[in-house]
Amino acid sequence: MKLSSKFFKEHPLKDYSAAQIAHFQMFFEHSEEILAKIRQFIKEQISPERQALLELEAEQIASADSAEEIINIMRKMQEMQNRNLLCDKVLSNQDKYLPAITKRFYRIKMDKFIETAAVIIYHSDIKYLQDLYQNYNAIQFPYAQASCHKKRR
């Protein structure tokens, strides 16, 4: 999907929020064209220290092998620019990682985890989203409940 510059003039972004970023990632993150532009922009704008942190987290994501390691990364991730790497890793082996992620989703109160899990679940096999819908009342944190209301394309 390509948005014209006219769209951004007519609909300026007034405030940034975590929910807006998660929404953006649900709909646009898997566009290689958009990802390449974002990566280039970030690379030009960030400090060498932050670039090193991005690279370290990317290595941790690549080497993670268990669901618990993935969950720990989701809880501790500092650089949301690596979220797409994490999502791709989980989505490449959904049956290995998603049962533990969705189980944690029901009771966790960490916004960062909830937002990342929502993006992953949005792009996952429909059975994981259906499970959340069927057990919606078991989700303990209102922000997590609200994250489940995103409709698929």
N, C-alpha and C. Protein backbone atom coordinates (compact mmCIF):
# COMPACT_ATOMS: atom_id res chain seq x y z
N MET A 1 0.86 -1.17 0.00
CA MET A 1 0.00 0.00 0.00
C MET A 1 0.90 1.23 0.00
N LYS A 2 0.59 2.16 -0.88
CA LYS A 2 1.39 3.38 -0.96
C LYS A 2 0.48 4.57 -0.65
N LEU A 3 0.90 5.39 0.27
CA LEU A 3 0.14 6.57 0.65
C LEU A 3 0.78 7.80 0.01
N SER A 4 -0.05 8.66 -0.53
CA SER A 4 0.46 9.86 -1.18
C SER A 4 0.81 10.92 -0.14
N SER A 5 1.61 11.87 -0.55
CA SER A 5 1.96 12.97 0.35
C SER A 5 0.71 13.81 0.65
N LYS A 6 -0.25 13.82 -0.25
CA LYS A 6 -1.52 14.53 -0.02
C LYS A 6 -2.24 13.96 1.20
N PHE A 7 -2.21 12.64 1.34
CA PHE A 7 -2.85 11.99 2.49
C PHE A 7 -2.28 12.54 3.80
N PHE A 8 -0.96 12.65 3.89
CA PHE A 8 -0.32 13.12 5.12
C PHE A 8 -0.59 14.60 5.38
N LYS A 9 -0.77 15.39 4.33
CA LYS A 9 -1.13 16.80 4.51
C LYS A 9 -2.56 16.94 5.02
N GLU A 10 -3.44 16.07 4.51
CA GLU A 10 -4.84 16.12 4.93
C GLU A 10 -5.08 15.47 6.29
N HIS A 11 -4.19 14.56 6.68
CA HIS A 11 -4.34 13.81 7.94
C HIS A 11 -3.03 13.85 8.73
N PRO A 12 -2.68 15.02 9.25
CA PRO A 12 -1.40 15.11 9.97
C PRO A 12 -1.43 14.31 11.28
N LEU A 13 -0.29 13.75 11.62
CA LEU A 13 -0.16 13.03 12.88
C LEU A 13 0.05 14.06 13.98
N LYS A 14 -0.86 14.08 14.92
CA LYS A 14 -0.80 15.10 15.98
C LYS A 14 0.00 14.61 17.19
N ASP A 15 -0.21 13.39 17.57
CA ASP A 15 0.49 12.83 18.72
C ASP A 15 0.94 11.41 18.40
N TYR A 16 2.08 11.04 18.93
CA TYR A 16 2.55 9.66 18.80
C TYR A 16 2.07 8.87 20.00
N SER A 17 1.73 7.63 19.77
CA SER A 17 1.38 6.76 20.87
C SER A 17 1.85 5.36 20.55
N ALA A 18 2.02 4.55 21.58
CA ALA A 18 2.42 3.16 21.38
C ALA A 18 1.37 2.43 20.55
N ALA A 19 0.11 2.72 20.80
CA ALA A 19 -0.96 2.06 20.05
C ALA A 19 -0.89 2.42 18.57
N GLN A 20 -0.56 3.67 18.24
CA GLN A 20 -0.42 4.06 16.84
C GLN A 20 0.73 3.31 16.17
N ILE A 21 1.82 3.16 16.88
CA ILE A 21 2.97 2.45 16.33
C ILE A 21 2.61 0.98 16.11
N ALA A 22 1.95 0.36 17.07
CA ALA A 22 1.53 -1.04 16.92
C ALA A 22 0.57 -1.18 15.75
N HIS A 23 -0.37 -0.25 15.62
CA HIS A 23 -1.32 -0.28 14.51
C HIS A 23 -0.57 -0.17 13.18
N PHE A 24 0.37 0.74 13.10
CA PHE A 24 1.19 0.89 11.90
C PHE A 24 1.88 -0.42 11.57
N GLN A 25 2.45 -1.07 12.58
CA GLN A 25 3.18 -2.30 12.33
C GLN A 25 2.25 -3.43 11.90
N MET A 26 1.04 -3.43 12.37
CA MET A 26 0.10 -4.47 11.93
C MET A 26 -0.17 -4.37 10.44
N PHE A 27 -0.30 -3.16 9.94
CA PHE A 27 -0.72 -2.99 8.56
C PHE A 27 0.40 -2.75 7.57
N PHE A 28 1.50 -2.15 7.99
CA PHE A 28 2.53 -1.78 7.03
C PHE A 28 3.87 -2.44 7.25
N GLU A 29 4.07 -3.07 8.36
CA GLU A 29 5.39 -3.56 8.70
C GLU A 29 5.94 -4.58 7.71
N HIS A 30 5.10 -5.39 7.12
CA HIS A 30 5.61 -6.44 6.26
C HIS A 30 5.78 -5.99 4.81
N SER A 31 5.76 -4.70 4.59
CA SER A 31 6.06 -4.13 3.29
C SER A 31 7.57 -3.88 3.24
N GLU A 32 8.26 -4.62 2.39
CA GLU A 32 9.71 -4.47 2.30
C GLU A 32 10.12 -3.07 1.90
N GLU A 33 9.34 -2.44 1.05
CA GLU A 33 9.66 -1.07 0.63
C GLU A 33 9.62 -0.12 1.81
N ILE A 34 8.58 -0.20 2.61
CA ILE A 34 8.45 0.67 3.77
C ILE A 34 9.53 0.35 4.79
N LEU A 35 9.77 -0.94 5.04
CA LEU A 35 10.82 -1.32 6.00
C LEU A 35 12.19 -0.80 5.59
N ALA A 36 12.50 -0.89 4.32
CA ALA A 36 13.80 -0.41 3.84
C ALA A 36 13.95 1.09 4.08
N LYS A 37 12.89 1.85 3.83
CA LYS A 37 12.94 3.30 4.06
C LYS A 37 13.09 3.62 5.54
N ILE A 38 12.37 2.89 6.37
CA ILE A 38 12.47 3.12 7.82
C ILE A 38 13.87 2.79 8.30
N ARG A 39 14.41 1.65 7.88
CA ARG A 39 15.77 1.26 8.30
C ARG A 39 16.79 2.31 7.89
N GLN A 40 16.68 2.82 6.66
CA GLN A 40 17.62 3.83 6.17
C GLN A 40 17.50 5.11 6.98
N PHE A 41 16.29 5.54 7.25
CA PHE A 41 16.08 6.75 8.04
C PHE A 41 16.68 6.59 9.43
N ILE A 42 16.41 5.46 10.07
CA ILE A 42 16.92 5.21 11.42
C ILE A 42 18.44 5.20 11.42
N LYS A 43 19.02 4.53 10.45
CA LYS A 43 20.48 4.42 10.38
C LYS A 43 21.14 5.80 10.27
N GLU A 44 20.49 6.70 9.56
CA GLU A 44 21.04 8.04 9.38
C GLU A 44 20.85 8.92 10.61
N GLN A 45 19.90 8.58 11.48
CA GLN A 45 19.52 9.46 12.58
C GLN A 45 20.05 9.07 13.96
N ILE A 46 20.42 7.81 14.17
CA ILE A 46 20.73 7.36 15.53
C ILE A 46 22.21 7.40 15.83
N SER A 47 22.48 7.42 17.10
CA SER A 47 23.87 7.47 17.57
C SER A 47 24.54 6.10 17.40
N PRO A 48 25.86 6.07 17.39
CA PRO A 48 26.56 4.78 17.30
C PRO A 48 26.22 3.84 18.47
N GLU A 49 25.99 4.41 19.65
CA GLU A 49 25.63 3.59 20.81
C GLU A 49 24.27 2.90 20.59
N ARG A 50 23.34 3.66 20.08
CA ARG A 50 22.02 3.09 19.82
C ARG A 50 22.08 2.07 18.68
N GLN A 51 22.90 2.33 17.69
CA GLN A 51 23.08 1.36 16.59
C GLN A 51 23.66 0.07 17.15
N ALA A 52 24.58 0.17 18.08
CA ALA A 52 25.17 -1.03 18.70
C ALA A 52 24.09 -1.81 19.46
N LEU A 53 23.21 -1.11 20.16
CA LEU A 53 22.12 -1.77 20.88
C LEU A 53 21.17 -2.46 19.90
N LEU A 54 20.85 -1.80 18.81
CA LEU A 54 20.01 -2.42 17.77
C LEU A 54 20.63 -3.73 17.28
N GLU A 55 21.92 -3.69 17.03
CA GLU A 55 22.61 -4.88 16.53
C GLU A 55 22.67 -5.98 17.57
N LEU A 56 22.90 -5.62 18.83
CA LEU A 56 22.94 -6.60 19.91
C LEU A 56 21.58 -7.29 20.06
N GLU A 57 20.51 -6.50 20.07
CA GLU A 57 19.18 -7.09 20.19
C GLU A 57 18.85 -7.97 18.98
N ALA A 58 19.27 -7.54 17.80
CA ALA A 58 19.03 -8.36 16.60
C ALA A 58 19.74 -9.71 16.73
N GLU A 59 20.94 -9.70 17.27
CA GLU A 59 21.68 -10.96 17.49
C GLU A 59 20.97 -11.83 18.52
N GLN A 60 20.45 -11.22 19.59
CA GLN A 60 19.72 -11.99 20.61
C GLN A 60 18.48 -12.63 20.01
N ILE A 61 17.78 -11.91 19.16
CA ILE A 61 16.60 -12.46 18.51
C ILE A 61 16.99 -13.63 17.61
N ALA A 62 18.03 -13.45 16.84
CA ALA A 62 18.47 -14.50 15.92
C ALA A 62 18.90 -15.76 16.67
N SER A 63 19.51 -15.61 17.84
CA SER A 63 20.01 -16.78 18.56
C SER A 63 18.99 -17.40 19.51
N ALA A 64 17.89 -16.72 19.77
CA ALA A 64 16.86 -17.26 20.67
C ALA A 64 16.28 -18.53 20.07
N ASP A 65 16.13 -19.55 20.94
CA ASP A 65 15.65 -20.83 20.42
C ASP A 65 14.42 -21.35 21.15
N SER A 66 14.14 -20.82 22.32
CA SER A 66 12.99 -21.32 23.09
C SER A 66 11.93 -20.23 23.21
N ALA A 67 10.72 -20.66 23.53
CA ALA A 67 9.63 -19.71 23.74
C ALA A 67 9.94 -18.78 24.90
N GLU A 68 10.55 -19.31 25.95
CA GLU A 68 10.90 -18.45 27.11
C GLU A 68 11.91 -17.38 26.73
N GLU A 69 12.87 -17.72 25.88
CA GLU A 69 13.84 -16.71 25.43
C GLU A 69 13.13 -15.62 24.62
N ILE A 70 12.22 -16.03 23.76
CA ILE A 70 11.46 -15.06 22.96
C ILE A 70 10.63 -14.16 23.87
N ILE A 71 9.97 -14.74 24.85
CA ILE A 71 9.15 -13.96 25.79
C ILE A 71 10.03 -12.97 26.57
N ASN A 72 11.19 -13.40 27.00
CA ASN A 72 12.11 -12.49 27.71
C ASN A 72 12.54 -11.33 26.82
N ILE A 73 12.80 -11.62 25.56
CA ILE A 73 13.16 -10.54 24.63
C ILE A 73 11.98 -9.58 24.47
N MET A 74 10.77 -10.14 24.34
CA MET A 74 9.58 -9.29 24.20
C MET A 74 9.40 -8.39 25.42
N ARG A 75 9.72 -8.89 26.59
CA ARG A 75 9.56 -8.11 27.81
C ARG A 75 10.65 -7.05 27.96
N LYS A 76 11.85 -7.33 27.48
CA LYS A 76 12.99 -6.45 27.75
C LYS A 76 13.44 -5.62 26.55
N MET A 77 12.88 -5.86 25.38
CA MET A 77 13.33 -5.18 24.18
C MET A 77 13.28 -3.67 24.36
N GLN A 78 14.38 -3.02 24.01
CA GLN A 78 14.45 -1.57 24.10
C GLN A 78 14.27 -0.91 22.74
N GLU A 79 14.64 -1.60 21.70
CA GLU A 79 14.60 -1.03 20.36
C GLU A 79 13.46 -1.63 19.55
N MET A 80 12.38 -0.90 19.44
CA MET A 80 11.21 -1.40 18.73
C MET A 80 11.47 -1.57 17.23
N GLN A 81 12.58 -1.00 16.74
CA GLN A 81 12.92 -1.19 15.34
C GLN A 81 13.22 -2.66 15.05
N ASN A 82 13.53 -3.43 16.09
CA ASN A 82 13.80 -4.86 15.91
C ASN A 82 12.53 -5.70 16.03
N ARG A 83 11.40 -5.07 16.26
CA ARG A 83 10.16 -5.82 16.43
C ARG A 83 9.87 -6.68 15.20
N ASN A 84 10.13 -6.14 14.00
CA ASN A 84 9.85 -6.92 12.79
C ASN A 84 10.70 -8.19 12.73
N LEU A 85 11.94 -8.13 13.21
CA LEU A 85 12.78 -9.33 13.25
C LEU A 85 12.19 -10.37 14.20
N LEU A 86 11.75 -9.90 15.35
CA LEU A 86 11.14 -10.79 16.34
C LEU A 86 9.85 -11.39 15.79
N CYS A 87 9.02 -10.57 15.17
CA CYS A 87 7.77 -11.06 14.58
C CYS A 87 8.06 -12.13 13.53
N ASP A 88 9.00 -11.85 12.65
CA ASP A 88 9.34 -12.82 11.60
C ASP A 88 9.82 -14.14 12.19
N LYS A 89 10.63 -14.05 13.25
CA LYS A 89 11.14 -15.27 13.89
C LYS A 89 9.98 -16.09 14.46
N VAL A 90 9.09 -15.45 15.19
CA VAL A 90 7.96 -16.16 15.80
C VAL A 90 7.05 -16.71 14.71
N LEU A 91 6.77 -15.92 13.70
CA LEU A 91 5.84 -16.35 12.65
C LEU A 91 6.42 -17.48 11.80
N SER A 92 7.73 -17.60 11.77
CA SER A 92 8.34 -18.69 11.01
C SER A 92 8.19 -20.04 11.70
N ASN A 93 7.87 -20.02 12.99
CA ASN A 93 7.68 -21.28 13.75
C ASN A 93 6.60 -21.05 14.81
N GLN A 94 5.41 -20.76 14.35
CA GLN A 94 4.31 -20.36 15.23
C GLN A 94 3.99 -21.40 16.29
N ASP A 95 3.94 -22.66 15.92
CA ASP A 95 3.55 -23.69 16.88
C ASP A 95 4.56 -23.85 18.01
N LYS A 96 5.77 -23.43 17.76
CA LYS A 96 6.81 -23.51 18.80
C LYS A 96 6.69 -22.34 19.80
N TYR A 97 6.39 -21.15 19.31
CA TYR A 97 6.44 -19.96 20.15
C TYR A 97 5.08 -19.41 20.60
N LEU A 98 4.10 -19.46 19.73
CA LEU A 98 2.84 -18.77 20.03
C LEU A 98 2.03 -19.33 21.18
N PRO A 99 2.00 -20.62 21.44
CA PRO A 99 1.23 -21.07 22.61
C PRO A 99 1.70 -20.40 23.91
N ALA A 100 3.00 -20.28 24.09
CA ALA A 100 3.53 -19.64 25.30
C ALA A 100 3.27 -18.13 25.29
N ILE A 101 3.36 -17.51 24.13
CA ILE A 101 3.12 -16.07 24.03
C ILE A 101 1.66 -15.76 24.33
N THR A 102 0.74 -16.52 23.76
CA THR A 102 -0.68 -16.24 24.01
C THR A 102 -1.04 -16.55 25.46
N LYS A 103 -0.45 -17.58 26.03
CA LYS A 103 -0.70 -17.89 27.45
C LYS A 103 -0.29 -16.71 28.33
N ARG A 104 0.86 -16.13 28.04
CA ARG A 104 1.34 -14.98 28.80
C ARG A 104 0.47 -13.74 28.54
N PHE A 105 -0.04 -13.63 27.32
CA PHE A 105 -0.86 -12.48 26.94
C PHE A 105 -2.09 -12.33 27.84
N TYR A 106 -2.62 -13.45 28.32
CA TYR A 106 -3.82 -13.40 29.16
C TYR A 106 -3.59 -12.69 30.49
N ARG A 107 -2.37 -12.70 30.99
CA ARG A 107 -2.18 -12.17 32.34
C ARG A 107 -1.12 -11.09 32.48
N ILE A 108 -0.41 -10.79 31.43
CA ILE A 108 0.69 -9.82 31.56
C ILE A 108 0.15 -8.39 31.50
N LYS A 109 0.85 -7.49 32.20
CA LYS A 109 0.46 -6.08 32.25
C LYS A 109 1.55 -5.17 31.69
N MET A 110 2.39 -5.70 30.86
CA MET A 110 3.48 -4.91 30.26
C MET A 110 3.07 -4.45 28.87
N ASP A 111 2.91 -3.15 28.71
CA ASP A 111 2.47 -2.60 27.43
C ASP A 111 3.35 -3.07 26.27
N LYS A 112 4.65 -3.03 26.46
CA LYS A 112 5.58 -3.40 25.40
C LYS A 112 5.34 -4.84 24.93
N PHE A 113 5.16 -5.75 25.87
CA PHE A 113 4.87 -7.14 25.53
C PHE A 113 3.53 -7.25 24.80
N ILE A 114 2.51 -6.59 25.33
CA ILE A 114 1.17 -6.65 24.75
C ILE A 114 1.19 -6.15 23.31
N GLU A 115 1.85 -5.03 23.06
CA GLU A 115 1.89 -4.46 21.71
C GLU A 115 2.61 -5.39 20.74
N THR A 116 3.72 -5.95 21.17
CA THR A 116 4.46 -6.87 20.30
C THR A 116 3.65 -8.14 20.05
N ALA A 117 3.05 -8.69 21.10
CA ALA A 117 2.23 -9.89 20.95
C ALA A 117 1.05 -9.63 20.03
N ALA A 118 0.42 -8.46 20.14
CA ALA A 118 -0.73 -8.14 19.29
C ALA A 118 -0.33 -8.11 17.82
N VAL A 119 0.83 -7.54 17.52
CA VAL A 119 1.31 -7.50 16.13
C VAL A 119 1.57 -8.93 15.64
N ILE A 120 2.23 -9.73 16.47
CA ILE A 120 2.53 -11.12 16.08
C ILE A 120 1.24 -11.90 15.85
N ILE A 121 0.32 -11.81 16.80
CA ILE A 121 -0.92 -12.58 16.71
C ILE A 121 -1.75 -12.12 15.50
N TYR A 122 -1.72 -10.84 15.21
CA TYR A 122 -2.44 -10.33 14.04
C TYR A 122 -1.98 -11.02 12.76
N HIS A 123 -0.68 -11.25 12.64
CA HIS A 123 -0.11 -11.84 11.43
C HIS A 123 -0.04 -13.37 11.50
N SER A 124 -0.41 -13.95 12.62
CA SER A 124 -0.28 -15.40 12.79
C SER A 124 -1.45 -16.16 12.18
N ASP A 125 -1.38 -17.47 12.31
CA ASP A 125 -2.48 -18.34 11.91
C ASP A 125 -3.74 -17.91 12.67
N ILE A 126 -4.87 -17.96 12.00
CA ILE A 126 -6.12 -17.48 12.58
C ILE A 126 -6.49 -18.20 13.87
N LYS A 127 -6.01 -19.42 14.07
CA LYS A 127 -6.39 -20.17 15.28
C LYS A 127 -5.94 -19.47 16.56
N TYR A 128 -4.84 -18.73 16.53
CA TYR A 128 -4.38 -18.03 17.73
C TYR A 128 -5.27 -16.83 18.04
N LEU A 129 -5.70 -16.14 17.02
CA LEU A 129 -6.61 -15.02 17.22
C LEU A 129 -7.99 -15.52 17.68
N GLN A 130 -8.45 -16.60 17.10
CA GLN A 130 -9.73 -17.18 17.52
C GLN A 130 -9.69 -17.60 18.99
N ASP A 131 -8.56 -18.14 19.41
CA ASP A 131 -8.41 -18.54 20.81
C ASP A 131 -8.57 -17.33 21.73
N LEU A 132 -7.95 -16.22 21.37
CA LEU A 132 -8.09 -15.01 22.18
C LEU A 132 -9.53 -14.51 22.20
N TYR A 133 -10.19 -14.54 21.05
CA TYR A 133 -11.59 -14.10 21.01
C TYR A 133 -12.48 -15.00 21.87
N GLN A 134 -12.25 -16.30 21.78
CA GLN A 134 -13.08 -17.23 22.55
C GLN A 134 -12.86 -17.10 24.06
N ASN A 135 -11.69 -16.69 24.45
CA ASN A 135 -11.35 -16.57 25.87
C ASN A 135 -11.12 -15.11 26.26
N TYR A 136 -11.79 -14.21 25.57
CA TYR A 136 -11.59 -12.77 25.77
C TYR A 136 -11.72 -12.35 27.23
N ASN A 137 -12.70 -12.87 27.94
CA ASN A 137 -12.92 -12.47 29.33
C ASN A 137 -11.82 -12.94 30.27
N ALA A 138 -11.00 -13.87 29.83
CA ALA A 138 -9.88 -14.34 30.65
C ALA A 138 -8.68 -13.41 30.57
N ILE A 139 -8.69 -12.49 29.61
CA ILE A 139 -7.59 -11.52 29.47
C ILE A 139 -7.74 -10.51 30.60
N GLN A 140 -6.72 -10.43 31.46
CA GLN A 140 -6.84 -9.68 32.71
C GLN A 140 -6.60 -8.18 32.60
N PHE A 141 -5.87 -7.75 31.60
CA PHE A 141 -5.47 -6.35 31.52
C PHE A 141 -6.26 -5.64 30.42
N PRO A 142 -6.95 -4.54 30.71
CA PRO A 142 -7.78 -3.87 29.70
C PRO A 142 -7.02 -3.47 28.43
N TYR A 143 -5.75 -3.08 28.57
CA TYR A 143 -4.98 -2.71 27.37
C TYR A 143 -4.80 -3.92 26.46
N ALA A 144 -4.60 -5.09 27.05
CA ALA A 144 -4.48 -6.31 26.25
C ALA A 144 -5.82 -6.63 25.59
N GLN A 145 -6.92 -6.45 26.32
CA GLN A 145 -8.23 -6.67 25.72
C GLN A 145 -8.44 -5.74 24.52
N ALA A 146 -8.08 -4.49 24.69
CA ALA A 146 -8.25 -3.52 23.61
C ALA A 146 -7.39 -3.88 22.40
N SER A 147 -6.23 -4.48 22.65
CA SER A 147 -5.34 -4.88 21.56
C SER A 147 -5.92 -6.00 20.73
N CYS A 148 -6.84 -6.75 21.30
CA CYS A 148 -7.47 -7.87 20.58
C CYS A 148 -8.56 -7.40 19.63
N HIS A 149 -8.92 -6.15 19.69
CA HIS A 149 -10.03 -5.67 18.87
C HIS A 149 -9.61 -5.27 17.47
N LYS A 150 -8.34 -5.38 17.15
CA LYS A 150 -7.90 -5.04 15.81
C LYS A 150 -8.44 -6.08 14.84
N LYS A 151 -9.08 -5.62 13.78
CA LYS A 151 -9.65 -6.55 12.80
C LYS A 151 -8.64 -6.85 11.73
N ARG A 152 -8.69 -8.08 11.27
CA ARG A 152 -7.83 -8.49 10.15
C ARG A 152 -8.33 -7.89 8.85
N ARG A 153 -7.38 -7.78 7.93
CA ARG A 153 -7.73 -7.29 6.59
C ARG A 153 -8.61 -8.28 5.89
